[in-house]
Each structure stands twice: as structure tokens, then as C-alpha cells.
């Protein structure tokens, strides 16, 4: 499907379990031969490749919070049997279809080219060839009676890649004015250009850890980092966190809940310190790991829920020289849903939407599955 304007519903659910992000997008494309050739059309019989310049408009956006029951299911699914996961996958596919339908009806959205959905990651062990995002069953297109593009990670893992992060191609096409694009969600990840290649990787866990310990105090999250700010850094814990072997590995690399459960939670829980001190120490850990990624005086666009963690942002500014840019709330909160919408549009066009320089796959490719109603 090749055209100049696409009307897309982008859908994203992150590991921090804030809820289901939904955006109505207008994506516009025009020919631009100056864009790097890694974004060329896949049909290489064309010889010289013309790449495209993209722009976007967010027409409507909202987040549907998870009920306690859904949050518990998604947190515990990593331990489910194969049969129980299959049941959850079907339930979640139906849940997504229901919420997308409500969103379309609420905003009276017409003439949709496709729904482009990430699903929700349950298993991610790319080194073992494993990744599972539920909610991506073919059944979803029948329920919606719309074209659906989804399941973006599996093909990359099959090609030897990390299957993550996938957002950096959107950073390149839509947010190239910044030296770095940093997302502070369940995990912190960044992307940037180096030698005409997009480089990206997961930096460290973020809200997936902070939220867990905030919940011990009866809070869904540590609003503005106020609880952390009241705590004290445990220097021994901080040193051991910063010494984890993942941080010395070279990209491409990615993290999943499995790694956090194996490496982070047991380490933190081995220290007999207050929850406030845990939050303060882990916030410092995030700030230290972020600082290590950025060049002096670099411009850093920060999105994701962590952009609202004022204390974390303050610490990053205090220990580094970066120029922090926090955009409008729509972009802060919905950038990932926006970019998965873009990934879907690229897939519909048969164009590269997954970069080997980012994931470590054997080649650039057009990832995802297209389901027709």
C-alpha cells in the first residue's frame, strides 16, 4: 500500500504496565533522496533507491489503565505454562480489540488504513531465540474488521537480532534534530547516529524497578521522584548495581523482565534498607548509567513516563552536561505508540522498518505481520 498520507491507529503497552496507549495518527510521506539509504524500499531490483521524509500529526490519544486483575496477569505471565499463556494471549487479543474499538467510536475515527499494534511483551530472551508479545493473534483483525500490522519483534529475533529496540527507526525519521533520543519507560533506552548508522540499545531498568518498590508503599509509582528524594543512597548497593556485567557489554543489547528478576530484585532485596533508600539508590543508578551514554553538551530528547520523574531528571542534569529537552505531553506519553504506527506504515509499503545496526540482525528488514479482516 503506497500513498502519501496514512491514517493509522498506533497501539503500545509497555513493561511498566501503565496501560494501553492508543493514538490516532496522520502520517505523511514525501520523497527525499537525502535520507540514509538504509531506509530504502526492499525491492533491490530498482537500482537507485529513493528514501522518504515523514511527518506526523497526533489527532487523538489516550491511555487505558489496566485493572488490578490484568496487571497481575501480565506481571505473572512469565511464570505461566504454555497452555495458560495461550489462553492469556487470546484474552489479551480480545481485550485489545475491545479497547481499540471503543477508542475508534469515542473519537469517531474514519477511513483507517491500519491498526499497528505492539502487543505486550511477556517473554524476551533473544539470545535463546525467544520473544513473545501477546495480543498479536490473527483473530484481532477479524474482531476489528480492519487491517492490523503487529508482531514486530519475532522476525528480527529469527534473523539473529535482539528484537529490540525497534523505536530507533522512528527516532531517525521523525526526531533527527536531537543528538540522542532517550526513552524512560520500564527500561531506559536510547538511540543516536554514528557513522551514518542508527545505534540503539537498552541502557538499564527504570520504571519496572521504581514502580515495584513504590507499590510497597501503596503507590502506583513515585510521583516526581519525591519518595526517592527523601531517601539516602546506599553506596554499597549502588556500586554493586553499577558493576553488573550487562553495563560493560557492547550494543546491540536489550533487557527483559527475566533479567531484572534474576539480577536486580535479588540484589536489592539482599540489602536490609528502607524502601525510600531503595528508590533513592536505584534512581541514582539510573542517572549514573544515563550519564555514561551521552557526549558532552549533547541534546537529549526525553520521553516516556520517566520524563515526569523530576528528581531523576534533576540528578541527570546535576551529574552531566547534557542539554535535556522534554517535549509536549503528547509526545512524552505517546511517542512509542506513534512510532509503532510508523513501523506499521513502513511495513505496508514494503520498506525497511528494522535496522540491523540497532538490533544486530543479519540484515535490515521489514518486520511484522499483516492481517487482513
Protein backbone atom coordinates (compact mmCIF):
# COMPACT_ATOMS: atom_id res chain seq x y z
CA UNK A 1 0.00 0.00 0.00
CA UNK A 2 1.88 3.07 -1.26
CA UNK A 3 0.32 6.51 -0.76
CA UNK A 4 1.22 9.94 0.59
CA UNK A 5 -1.00 10.05 3.68
CA UNK A 6 -1.88 7.25 6.09
CA UNK A 7 -4.50 7.23 8.83
CA UNK A 8 -3.25 4.87 11.49
CA UNK A 9 -4.18 3.71 14.98
CA UNK A 10 -0.95 3.09 16.93
CA UNK A 11 -1.15 0.84 19.99
CA UNK A 12 1.51 0.22 22.64
CA UNK A 13 1.70 -1.49 26.03
CA UNK A 14 4.99 -1.11 27.88
CA UNK A 15 6.67 -3.15 30.59
CA UNK A 16 5.90 -0.51 33.23
CA UNK A 17 2.22 -1.57 32.94
CA UNK A 18 0.85 1.98 32.88
CA UNK A 19 -1.86 0.82 30.49
CA UNK A 20 -2.65 0.56 26.80
CA UNK A 21 -1.58 3.64 24.81
CA UNK A 22 -3.73 4.45 21.78
CA UNK A 23 -3.10 7.18 19.22
CA UNK A 24 -4.89 8.28 16.08
CA UNK A 25 -2.23 9.39 13.62
CA UNK A 26 -1.95 11.10 10.31
CA UNK A 27 1.38 10.12 8.75
CA UNK A 28 2.58 11.98 5.68
CA UNK A 29 5.41 10.85 3.41
CA UNK A 30 7.30 12.61 0.66
CA UNK A 31 10.29 11.56 -1.43
CA UNK A 32 13.62 12.70 -0.02
CA UNK A 33 16.85 11.40 -1.54
CA UNK A 34 18.91 12.81 1.34
CA UNK A 35 17.63 10.29 3.91
CA UNK A 36 20.19 7.47 4.62
CA UNK A 37 19.83 4.56 2.23
CA UNK A 38 19.21 2.04 4.99
CA UNK A 39 15.60 3.15 4.70
CA UNK A 40 15.28 2.16 1.08
CA UNK A 41 12.49 0.11 -0.44
CA UNK A 42 13.20 -3.58 -0.07
CA UNK A 43 12.85 -4.40 -3.77
CA UNK A 44 16.52 -4.01 -4.67
CA UNK A 45 15.82 -4.55 -8.37
CA UNK A 46 15.09 -0.82 -8.51
CA UNK A 47 18.78 0.08 -8.55
CA UNK A 48 18.97 3.64 -7.20
CA UNK A 49 16.80 3.87 -4.10
CA UNK A 50 14.68 6.83 -3.14
CA UNK A 51 14.05 7.22 0.54
CA UNK A 52 11.26 9.10 2.21
CA UNK A 53 10.73 12.05 4.52
CA UNK A 54 8.00 11.55 7.13
CA UNK A 55 5.92 13.91 9.24
CA UNK A 56 3.10 13.23 11.67
CA UNK A 57 0.10 14.68 13.40
CA UNK A 58 -1.40 13.16 16.55
CA UNK A 59 -5.14 13.62 16.16
CA UNK A 60 -6.29 11.85 19.35
CA UNK A 61 -4.57 9.95 22.14
CA UNK A 62 -5.39 8.26 25.41
CA UNK A 63 -4.15 5.63 27.85
CA UNK A 64 -6.46 2.89 29.11
CA UNK A 65 -5.23 1.88 32.59
CA UNK A 66 -5.06 -1.80 33.45
CA UNK A 67 -7.35 -3.21 36.10
CA UNK A 68 -5.67 -4.88 39.08
CA UNK A 69 -6.58 -8.25 37.58
CA UNK A 70 -4.98 -7.50 34.23
CA UNK A 71 -1.89 -6.03 35.86
CA UNK A 72 -1.46 -9.15 37.98
CA UNK A 73 -1.89 -11.42 34.95
CA UNK A 74 0.67 -9.50 32.89
CA UNK A 75 3.16 -9.44 35.77
CA UNK A 76 2.83 -13.15 36.50
CA UNK A 77 2.54 -14.43 32.91
CA UNK A 78 6.28 -15.03 32.72
CA UNK A 79 5.65 -18.00 35.03
CA UNK A 80 2.61 -19.37 33.17
CA UNK A 81 2.53 -22.76 31.46
CA UNK A 82 2.31 -22.90 27.68
CA UNK A 83 -1.42 -23.70 27.82
CA UNK A 84 -2.12 -20.89 30.28
CA UNK A 85 -0.16 -18.45 28.10
CA UNK A 86 -2.21 -19.42 25.06
CA UNK A 87 -5.41 -18.64 26.96
CA UNK A 88 -3.98 -15.31 28.13
CA UNK A 89 -2.88 -14.49 24.58
CA UNK A 90 -6.42 -14.99 23.29
CA UNK A 91 -7.95 -13.00 26.16
CA UNK A 92 -5.48 -10.16 25.65
CA UNK A 93 -6.06 -10.11 21.89
CA UNK A 94 -9.78 -9.72 22.59
CA UNK A 95 -9.02 -7.06 25.23
CA UNK A 96 -7.01 -5.02 22.72
CA UNK A 97 -9.73 -5.32 20.09
CA UNK A 98 -12.32 -4.14 22.62
CA UNK A 99 -10.29 -1.09 23.70
CA UNK A 100 -9.34 -0.15 20.14
CA UNK A 101 -12.99 -0.34 19.10
CA UNK A 102 -14.01 1.93 21.98
CA UNK A 103 -11.26 4.39 21.03
CA UNK A 104 -12.38 4.50 17.40
CA UNK A 105 -16.03 5.01 18.37
CA UNK A 106 -15.23 7.63 21.04
CA UNK A 107 -13.24 9.77 18.61
CA UNK A 108 -15.37 8.98 15.55
CA UNK A 109 -12.31 7.89 13.59
CA UNK A 110 -12.96 7.23 9.90
CA UNK A 111 -11.05 5.78 6.93
CA UNK A 112 -8.43 3.84 8.90
CA UNK A 113 -5.65 2.33 6.78
CA UNK A 114 -4.43 0.05 9.55
CA UNK A 115 -4.18 -0.60 13.26
CA UNK A 116 -0.49 -1.01 14.15
CA UNK A 117 -0.03 -2.73 17.50
CA UNK A 118 2.99 -3.76 19.52
CA UNK A 119 1.08 -6.06 21.86
CA UNK A 120 2.52 -6.72 25.33
CA UNK A 121 5.88 -8.39 25.89
CA UNK A 122 5.74 -11.46 28.14
CA UNK A 123 8.93 -13.31 27.21
CA UNK A 124 12.08 -11.77 25.79
CA UNK A 125 15.25 -13.88 25.69
CA UNK A 126 16.66 -13.15 22.23
CA UNK A 127 19.91 -14.98 22.93
CA UNK A 128 17.78 -18.13 23.17
CA UNK A 129 15.70 -17.17 20.13
CA UNK A 130 12.66 -16.43 22.32
CA UNK A 131 10.36 -13.42 22.26
CA UNK A 132 6.61 -13.31 22.84
CA UNK A 133 4.27 -10.34 22.55
CA UNK A 134 0.70 -11.34 23.34
CA UNK A 135 -2.29 -9.69 21.67
CA UNK A 136 -1.00 -10.32 18.16
CA UNK A 137 -3.18 -13.23 17.10
CA UNK A 138 -4.72 -13.06 13.58
CA UNK A 139 -8.11 -13.05 15.30
CA UNK A 140 -7.66 -9.35 16.12
CA UNK A 141 -8.23 -8.20 12.52
CA UNK A 142 -11.50 -10.15 12.35
CA UNK A 143 -12.70 -8.61 15.60
CA UNK A 144 -11.84 -5.10 14.43
CA UNK A 145 -12.80 -5.64 10.80
CA UNK A 146 -9.66 -3.69 9.95
CA UNK A 147 -6.18 -4.35 8.60
CA UNK A 148 -3.80 -4.97 11.50
CA UNK A 149 0.01 -4.81 11.43
CA UNK A 150 1.61 -6.34 14.51
CA UNK A 151 4.12 -8.83 15.99
CA UNK A 152 7.12 -6.73 15.03
CA UNK A 153 9.84 -8.45 17.09
CA UNK A 154 9.70 -12.12 16.10
CA UNK A 155 11.25 -11.86 12.63
CA UNK A 156 14.19 -9.85 13.94
CA UNK A 157 14.96 -12.48 16.58
CA UNK A 158 14.71 -15.16 13.89
CA UNK A 159 17.34 -13.20 11.94
CA UNK A 160 19.69 -13.29 14.93
CA UNK A 161 18.75 -9.86 16.30
CA UNK A 162 17.77 -8.69 19.74
CA UNK A 163 14.22 -7.91 18.59
CA UNK A 164 14.67 -4.60 20.41
CA UNK A 165 14.70 -1.72 20.48
CA UNK A 166 12.52 -1.09 17.44
CA UNK A 167 11.69 2.57 18.07
CA UNK A 168 15.03 4.00 16.78
CA UNK A 169 14.00 3.98 13.13
CA UNK A 170 11.23 6.37 14.17
CA UNK A 171 13.78 8.45 16.07
CA UNK A 172 15.76 8.75 12.84
CA UNK A 173 12.79 9.59 10.63
CA UNK A 174 10.79 11.83 12.98
CA UNK A 175 13.19 13.21 15.63
CA UNK A 176 16.53 13.58 13.87
CA UNK A 177 17.05 17.13 15.22
CA UNK A 178 18.34 15.73 18.54
CA UNK A 179 21.70 14.11 19.25
CA UNK A 180 20.05 11.40 21.32
CA UNK A 181 16.52 10.12 21.82
CA UNK A 182 16.08 8.70 25.32
CA UNK A 183 13.01 6.75 26.38
CA UNK A 184 12.41 6.33 30.12
CA UNK A 185 9.80 3.61 30.37
CA UNK A 186 10.00 0.21 32.03
CA UNK A 187 13.56 0.25 30.71
CA UNK A 188 15.72 3.19 29.70
CA UNK A 189 16.88 3.01 26.10
CA UNK A 190 18.48 5.48 23.72
CA UNK A 191 19.29 5.87 20.05
CA UNK A 192 21.66 8.09 18.07
CA UNK A 193 23.50 8.36 14.76
CA UNK A 194 27.09 7.16 14.43
CA UNK A 195 28.94 6.91 11.11
CA UNK A 196 25.63 7.12 9.20
CA UNK A 197 24.18 4.23 11.17
CA UNK A 198 21.49 4.32 13.83
CA UNK A 199 22.78 2.84 17.08
CA UNK A 200 20.38 1.95 19.88
CA UNK A 201 20.21 -0.27 22.93
CA UNK A 202 18.67 -0.72 26.34
CA UNK A 203 20.65 1.17 28.97
CA UNK A 204 19.22 -0.10 32.26
CA UNK A 205 15.94 -0.94 34.00
CA UNK A 206 13.95 2.11 35.03
CA UNK A 207 10.25 2.26 35.93
CA UNK A 208 9.96 -1.53 36.02
CA UNK A 209 12.03 -1.35 39.22
CA UNK A 210 10.96 2.02 40.60
CA UNK A 211 7.27 1.18 40.32
CA UNK A 212 7.67 -2.18 42.06
CA UNK A 213 9.15 -0.58 45.15
CA UNK A 214 6.75 2.38 45.11
CA UNK A 215 3.94 -0.20 45.24
CA UNK A 216 5.37 -1.45 48.54
CA UNK A 217 4.41 1.96 49.92
CA UNK A 218 0.91 1.80 48.43
CA UNK A 219 1.74 3.99 45.44
CA UNK A 220 1.37 3.05 41.78
CA UNK A 221 4.59 4.99 41.14
CA UNK A 222 6.85 7.53 42.81
CA UNK A 223 5.30 10.75 41.55
CA UNK A 224 8.00 13.22 40.61
CA UNK A 225 10.56 11.07 42.41
CA UNK A 226 9.56 12.66 45.72
CA UNK A 227 9.87 9.44 47.73
CA UNK A 228 13.31 8.74 46.27
CA UNK A 229 14.43 12.29 47.01
CA UNK A 230 13.63 11.77 50.69
CA UNK A 231 15.82 8.66 50.86
CA UNK A 232 19.57 8.18 51.05
CA UNK A 233 21.94 6.47 48.63
CA UNK A 234 23.32 3.15 49.83
CA UNK A 235 26.78 3.35 48.31
CA UNK A 236 27.47 -0.38 48.53
CA UNK A 237 24.26 -1.27 46.70
CA UNK A 238 24.90 1.46 44.14
CA UNK A 239 28.39 0.13 43.47
CA UNK A 240 27.13 -3.43 43.03
CA UNK A 241 24.34 -2.30 40.69
CA UNK A 242 26.78 -0.32 38.56
CA UNK A 243 29.12 -3.33 38.42
CA UNK A 244 26.60 -5.67 36.77
CA UNK A 245 28.19 -7.23 33.67
CA UNK A 246 25.43 -6.02 31.31
CA UNK A 247 26.75 -2.46 31.56
CA UNK A 248 30.15 -3.39 30.17
CA UNK A 249 28.68 -5.21 27.15
CA UNK A 250 28.72 -3.51 23.76
CA UNK A 251 25.49 -2.87 21.82
CA UNK A 252 23.36 -4.23 20.34
CA UNK A 253 21.90 -5.42 23.62
CA UNK A 254 18.49 -5.48 25.24
CA UNK A 255 16.88 -6.26 28.57
CA UNK A 256 13.76 -8.09 29.67
CA UNK A 257 11.83 -8.78 32.85
CA UNK A 258 13.63 -12.12 33.16
CA UNK A 259 16.98 -10.34 33.54
CA UNK A 260 15.57 -7.96 36.15
CA UNK A 261 14.11 -10.81 38.18
CA UNK A 262 17.42 -12.66 38.07
CA UNK A 263 19.85 -9.78 38.61
CA UNK A 264 18.16 -6.71 40.10
CA UNK A 265 15.44 -7.72 42.54
CA UNK A 266 17.52 -10.35 44.42
CA UNK A 267 20.42 -7.91 44.74
CA UNK A 268 18.25 -5.10 46.07
CA UNK A 269 16.38 -7.40 48.44
CA UNK A 270 19.64 -8.72 49.90
CA UNK A 271 20.11 -5.29 51.49
CA UNK A 272 18.17 -4.53 54.66
CA UNK A 273 17.36 -0.92 53.81
CA UNK A 274 14.19 1.15 53.68
CA UNK A 275 12.07 1.35 50.55
CA UNK A 276 12.83 5.08 50.39
CA UNK A 277 16.55 4.29 50.31
CA UNK A 278 15.97 1.62 47.63
CA UNK A 279 14.21 4.19 45.45
CA UNK A 280 16.89 6.81 46.08
CA UNK A 281 19.71 4.37 45.31
CA UNK A 282 18.12 2.98 42.18
CA UNK A 283 17.29 6.46 40.91
CA UNK A 284 20.96 7.33 41.32
CA UNK A 285 21.88 4.14 39.49
CA UNK A 286 19.69 5.13 36.55
CA UNK A 287 21.20 8.64 36.46
CA UNK A 288 24.75 7.24 36.50
CA UNK A 289 24.02 4.80 33.69
CA UNK A 290 22.33 7.51 31.61
CA UNK A 291 25.26 9.89 32.02
CA UNK A 292 27.66 7.24 30.73
CA UNK A 293 25.89 7.12 27.36
CA UNK A 294 25.95 10.78 26.33
CA UNK A 295 28.62 13.03 24.86
CA UNK A 296 29.41 16.36 26.49
CA UNK A 297 26.77 19.04 25.84
CA UNK A 298 24.66 16.67 23.74
CA UNK A 299 20.96 17.42 23.15
CA UNK A 300 18.82 14.64 24.61
CA UNK A 301 15.11 14.32 23.84
CA UNK A 302 13.49 12.53 26.78
CA UNK A 303 10.14 10.76 26.50
CA UNK A 304 8.29 8.04 28.40
CA UNK A 305 6.80 8.18 31.89
CA UNK A 306 10.20 8.75 33.45
CA UNK A 307 10.31 12.19 31.84
CA UNK A 308 7.92 13.23 34.61
CA UNK A 309 10.30 11.98 37.32
CA UNK A 310 11.57 15.44 38.23
CA UNK A 311 14.12 14.14 40.72
CA UNK A 312 15.68 11.72 38.23
CA UNK A 313 15.89 14.47 35.60
CA UNK A 314 17.43 16.82 38.19
CA UNK A 315 20.08 14.25 39.10
CA UNK A 316 20.91 13.66 35.43
CA UNK A 317 21.39 17.39 34.93
CA UNK A 318 23.49 17.67 38.09
CA UNK A 319 25.95 14.90 37.23
CA UNK A 320 26.22 15.51 33.47
CA UNK A 321 26.47 18.34 30.93
CA UNK A 322 23.63 17.21 28.66
CA UNK A 323 21.01 19.57 27.30
CA UNK A 324 17.72 17.94 28.33
CA UNK A 325 14.67 18.52 26.11
CA UNK A 326 11.29 17.35 27.33
CA UNK A 327 8.69 17.78 24.56
CA UNK A 328 4.91 18.17 24.72
CA UNK A 329 2.99 15.75 26.92
CA UNK A 330 1.53 14.03 23.84
CA UNK A 331 4.99 13.13 22.59
CA UNK A 332 6.29 12.27 26.08
CA UNK A 333 3.45 9.85 26.68
CA UNK A 334 2.68 8.50 23.21
CA UNK A 335 5.95 8.52 21.27
CA UNK A 336 6.23 4.72 21.28
CA UNK A 337 2.64 4.24 20.10
CA UNK A 338 3.31 6.87 17.43
CA UNK A 339 6.42 5.06 16.21
CA UNK A 340 4.78 1.64 16.16
CA UNK A 341 2.20 3.29 13.93
CA UNK A 342 5.06 4.39 11.69
CA UNK A 343 6.57 0.87 11.74
CA UNK A 344 3.24 -0.46 10.55
CA UNK A 345 3.02 2.09 7.74
CA UNK A 346 6.54 1.17 6.61
CA UNK A 347 5.55 -2.49 6.62
CA UNK A 348 2.50 -1.74 4.48
CA UNK A 349 4.82 -0.01 2.00
CA UNK A 350 7.27 -2.94 1.98
CA UNK A 351 10.02 -0.71 3.35
CA UNK A 352 12.69 -1.37 5.95
CA UNK A 353 11.39 -0.79 9.46
CA UNK A 354 14.01 -2.66 11.45
CA UNK A 355 17.71 -1.78 11.33
CA UNK A 356 20.45 -4.39 11.71
CA UNK A 357 22.76 -1.71 13.15
CA UNK A 358 20.32 -1.40 16.06
CA UNK A 359 19.28 -4.99 16.76
CA UNK A 360 22.24 -7.00 15.49
CA UNK A 361 20.10 -8.93 13.00
CA UNK A 362 21.76 -10.36 9.90
CA UNK A 363 20.17 -7.70 7.68
CA UNK A 364 17.84 -4.72 7.58
CA UNK A 365 14.31 -5.93 7.02
CA UNK A 366 10.62 -5.12 7.03
CA UNK A 367 9.35 -6.73 10.21
CA UNK A 368 5.85 -7.52 11.38
CA UNK A 369 2.77 -9.41 10.21
CA UNK A 370 -0.13 -8.01 8.21
CA UNK A 371 -3.56 -9.44 9.00
CA UNK A 372 -6.46 -8.62 6.71
CA UNK A 373 -10.06 -8.63 8.01
